[in-house]
N, C-alpha and C. Protein backbone atom coordinates (compact mmCIF):
# COMPACT_ATOMS: atom_id res chain seq x y z
N MET A 1 -49.87 75.12 61.94
CA MET A 1 -48.92 74.04 61.81
C MET A 1 -47.66 74.34 62.64
N ASN A 2 -47.25 75.61 62.70
CA ASN A 2 -46.05 75.93 63.47
C ASN A 2 -46.25 75.71 64.96
N THR A 3 -47.48 75.71 65.44
CA THR A 3 -47.73 75.44 66.85
C THR A 3 -47.43 73.98 67.15
N ILE A 4 -47.82 73.09 66.25
CA ILE A 4 -47.57 71.66 66.44
C ILE A 4 -46.14 71.30 66.06
N PHE A 5 -45.64 71.89 64.99
CA PHE A 5 -44.32 71.56 64.47
C PHE A 5 -43.43 72.81 64.42
N PRO A 6 -42.98 73.34 65.58
CA PRO A 6 -42.11 74.52 65.56
C PRO A 6 -40.83 74.22 64.77
N PRO A 7 -40.46 75.08 63.83
CA PRO A 7 -39.29 74.82 63.01
C PRO A 7 -38.03 74.55 63.83
N GLU A 8 -37.89 75.21 64.97
CA GLU A 8 -36.67 75.04 65.76
C GLU A 8 -36.59 73.67 66.43
N GLU A 9 -37.67 72.89 66.42
CA GLU A 9 -37.65 71.56 67.03
C GLU A 9 -37.45 70.43 66.02
N TYR A 10 -37.31 70.78 64.74
CA TYR A 10 -37.06 69.76 63.71
C TYR A 10 -35.77 69.04 64.03
N PRO A 11 -35.63 67.78 63.93
CA PRO A 11 -36.57 66.76 63.48
C PRO A 11 -37.24 66.00 64.63
N GLY A 12 -37.32 66.57 65.81
CA GLY A 12 -37.83 65.85 66.98
C GLY A 12 -39.32 65.87 67.16
N TYR A 13 -40.09 66.05 66.11
CA TYR A 13 -41.54 66.20 66.25
C TYR A 13 -42.23 65.00 66.87
N GLY A 14 -41.73 63.81 66.64
CA GLY A 14 -42.36 62.63 67.21
C GLY A 14 -42.37 62.67 68.73
N VAL A 15 -41.48 63.45 69.31
CA VAL A 15 -41.37 63.56 70.76
C VAL A 15 -42.03 64.84 71.26
N THR A 16 -41.90 65.94 70.52
CA THR A 16 -42.31 67.25 71.02
C THR A 16 -43.66 67.74 70.51
N ALA A 17 -44.21 67.15 69.47
CA ALA A 17 -45.46 67.64 68.89
C ALA A 17 -46.59 67.56 69.92
N GLU A 18 -47.38 68.63 70.00
CA GLU A 18 -48.52 68.60 70.91
C GLU A 18 -49.61 69.53 70.40
N CYS A 19 -50.83 69.14 70.66
CA CYS A 19 -52.00 69.94 70.33
C CYS A 19 -52.38 70.74 71.57
N ALA A 20 -52.92 71.91 71.35
CA ALA A 20 -53.42 72.71 72.48
C ALA A 20 -54.60 71.97 73.11
N ALA A 21 -54.71 72.07 74.43
CA ALA A 21 -55.83 71.42 75.13
C ALA A 21 -57.13 72.14 74.77
N GLY A 22 -58.08 71.38 74.25
CA GLY A 22 -59.38 71.96 73.91
C GLY A 22 -59.31 72.85 72.69
N PRO A 23 -60.44 73.18 72.13
CA PRO A 23 -60.43 74.05 70.94
C PRO A 23 -60.10 75.49 71.32
N ARG A 24 -59.51 76.21 70.40
CA ARG A 24 -59.26 77.64 70.54
C ARG A 24 -60.33 78.38 69.75
N VAL A 25 -60.89 79.40 70.36
CA VAL A 25 -61.93 80.20 69.69
C VAL A 25 -61.37 81.60 69.45
N TYR A 26 -61.46 82.05 68.22
CA TYR A 26 -61.00 83.38 67.84
C TYR A 26 -62.22 84.23 67.49
N LEU A 27 -62.31 85.42 68.06
CA LEU A 27 -63.38 86.37 67.78
C LEU A 27 -62.77 87.54 67.02
N PHE A 28 -63.31 87.85 65.86
CA PHE A 28 -62.75 88.92 65.03
C PHE A 28 -63.56 90.19 65.18
N GLU A 29 -62.86 91.30 65.30
CA GLU A 29 -63.52 92.59 65.48
C GLU A 29 -63.06 93.63 64.48
N VAL A 30 -62.32 93.23 63.47
CA VAL A 30 -61.85 94.17 62.45
C VAL A 30 -62.92 94.36 61.39
N ALA A 31 -62.87 95.48 60.70
CA ALA A 31 -63.84 95.77 59.65
C ALA A 31 -63.88 94.64 58.64
N GLY A 32 -65.07 94.22 58.28
CA GLY A 32 -65.25 93.14 57.31
C GLY A 32 -65.39 91.78 57.96
N LEU A 33 -64.90 91.63 59.19
CA LEU A 33 -65.01 90.36 59.90
C LEU A 33 -65.72 90.53 61.25
N ASN A 34 -66.35 91.69 61.44
CA ASN A 34 -67.06 91.94 62.70
C ASN A 34 -67.98 90.80 63.05
N ALA A 35 -67.90 90.34 64.28
CA ALA A 35 -68.76 89.28 64.83
C ALA A 35 -68.52 87.92 64.19
N CYS A 36 -67.45 87.76 63.43
CA CYS A 36 -67.10 86.45 62.88
C CYS A 36 -66.24 85.70 63.89
N THR A 37 -66.31 84.38 63.84
CA THR A 37 -65.52 83.55 64.75
C THR A 37 -64.83 82.43 63.99
N ALA A 38 -63.80 81.89 64.59
CA ALA A 38 -63.14 80.69 64.09
C ALA A 38 -62.83 79.81 65.29
N THR A 39 -63.17 78.55 65.19
CA THR A 39 -62.88 77.58 66.24
C THR A 39 -61.90 76.57 65.67
N VAL A 40 -60.74 76.44 66.30
CA VAL A 40 -59.67 75.57 65.80
C VAL A 40 -59.39 74.49 66.83
N SER A 41 -59.41 73.23 66.38
CA SER A 41 -59.11 72.12 67.27
C SER A 41 -58.05 71.22 66.63
N CYS A 42 -57.46 70.40 67.45
CA CYS A 42 -56.36 69.54 66.99
C CYS A 42 -56.46 68.20 67.71
N SER A 43 -56.12 67.13 67.01
CA SER A 43 -56.10 65.81 67.63
C SER A 43 -54.99 64.97 66.99
N PHE A 44 -54.55 63.97 67.73
CA PHE A 44 -53.52 63.04 67.24
C PHE A 44 -54.12 61.66 67.08
N MET A 45 -53.55 60.88 66.17
CA MET A 45 -53.92 59.48 66.03
C MET A 45 -52.71 58.71 65.51
N THR A 46 -52.69 57.42 65.79
CA THR A 46 -51.64 56.53 65.28
C THR A 46 -52.31 55.45 64.46
N VAL A 47 -51.83 55.27 63.23
CA VAL A 47 -52.35 54.24 62.34
C VAL A 47 -51.17 53.42 61.85
N GLN A 48 -51.17 52.14 62.17
CA GLN A 48 -50.11 51.22 61.76
C GLN A 48 -48.72 51.80 62.04
N SER A 49 -48.51 52.23 63.25
CA SER A 49 -47.23 52.77 63.73
C SER A 49 -46.85 54.14 63.15
N SER A 50 -47.75 54.77 62.42
CA SER A 50 -47.49 56.11 61.90
C SER A 50 -48.34 57.12 62.67
N ASN A 51 -47.71 58.24 63.07
CA ASN A 51 -48.40 59.28 63.83
C ASN A 51 -48.94 60.36 62.92
N PHE A 52 -50.16 60.83 63.21
CA PHE A 52 -50.81 61.87 62.43
C PHE A 52 -51.42 62.91 63.35
N ALA A 53 -51.41 64.16 62.90
CA ALA A 53 -52.12 65.23 63.59
C ALA A 53 -53.19 65.73 62.64
N THR A 54 -54.38 65.98 63.17
CA THR A 54 -55.49 66.53 62.39
C THR A 54 -55.85 67.88 62.99
N ILE A 55 -55.85 68.91 62.16
CA ILE A 55 -56.23 70.25 62.57
C ILE A 55 -57.52 70.60 61.84
N GLN A 56 -58.51 71.03 62.61
CA GLN A 56 -59.81 71.36 62.03
C GLN A 56 -60.18 72.78 62.44
N SER A 57 -60.62 73.57 61.48
CA SER A 57 -61.02 74.94 61.73
C SER A 57 -62.42 75.15 61.18
N GLN A 58 -63.29 75.73 62.00
CA GLN A 58 -64.63 76.07 61.54
C GLN A 58 -64.82 77.57 61.71
N GLY A 59 -65.11 78.25 60.61
CA GLY A 59 -65.35 79.69 60.63
C GLY A 59 -66.83 79.97 60.49
N ASN A 60 -67.31 80.94 61.25
CA ASN A 60 -68.72 81.36 61.18
C ASN A 60 -68.76 82.87 61.02
N CYS A 61 -69.54 83.30 60.05
CA CYS A 61 -69.71 84.74 59.82
C CYS A 61 -71.13 84.94 59.30
N GLY A 62 -71.99 85.46 60.18
CA GLY A 62 -73.39 85.59 59.79
C GLY A 62 -73.99 84.21 59.58
N SER A 63 -74.61 84.01 58.43
CA SER A 63 -75.23 82.72 58.14
C SER A 63 -74.30 81.77 57.38
N VAL A 64 -73.05 82.16 57.20
CA VAL A 64 -72.09 81.36 56.44
C VAL A 64 -71.15 80.62 57.39
N THR A 65 -70.99 79.32 57.16
CA THR A 65 -70.07 78.49 57.93
C THR A 65 -69.17 77.73 56.97
N ARG A 66 -67.89 77.72 57.26
CA ARG A 66 -66.94 76.95 56.45
C ARG A 66 -66.06 76.13 57.37
N MET A 67 -65.74 74.91 56.94
CA MET A 67 -64.87 74.04 57.71
C MET A 67 -63.68 73.64 56.84
N VAL A 68 -62.49 73.67 57.44
CA VAL A 68 -61.28 73.23 56.78
C VAL A 68 -60.60 72.22 57.71
N GLN A 69 -60.16 71.11 57.13
CA GLN A 69 -59.48 70.08 57.92
C GLN A 69 -58.24 69.66 57.18
N ILE A 70 -57.12 69.58 57.90
CA ILE A 70 -55.88 69.08 57.31
C ILE A 70 -55.33 67.98 58.22
N ARG A 71 -54.66 67.02 57.62
CA ARG A 71 -54.02 65.96 58.38
C ARG A 71 -52.59 65.85 57.88
N THR A 72 -51.68 65.71 58.82
CA THR A 72 -50.26 65.62 58.47
C THR A 72 -49.60 64.53 59.29
N GLY A 73 -48.67 63.86 58.71
CA GLY A 73 -47.92 62.82 59.41
C GLY A 73 -46.65 63.38 59.99
N PHE A 74 -46.15 62.73 61.02
CA PHE A 74 -44.87 63.13 61.60
C PHE A 74 -44.17 61.93 62.18
């Protein structure tokens, strides 16, 4: 969230908010997370003049996959 809404840019988020281009892929190599990955993507949408950002993260570790999605207005 701080990538999209840096605290030092408050309250100008409607002008400065931005998602990273393309998904970011994280590869974990620490004990307990060896060979696990997380893919994080972000998108914007406008609904009835209100702006929203959606952040989606998908984690994979062995045969287990989990997805988390959050949406926030600005």
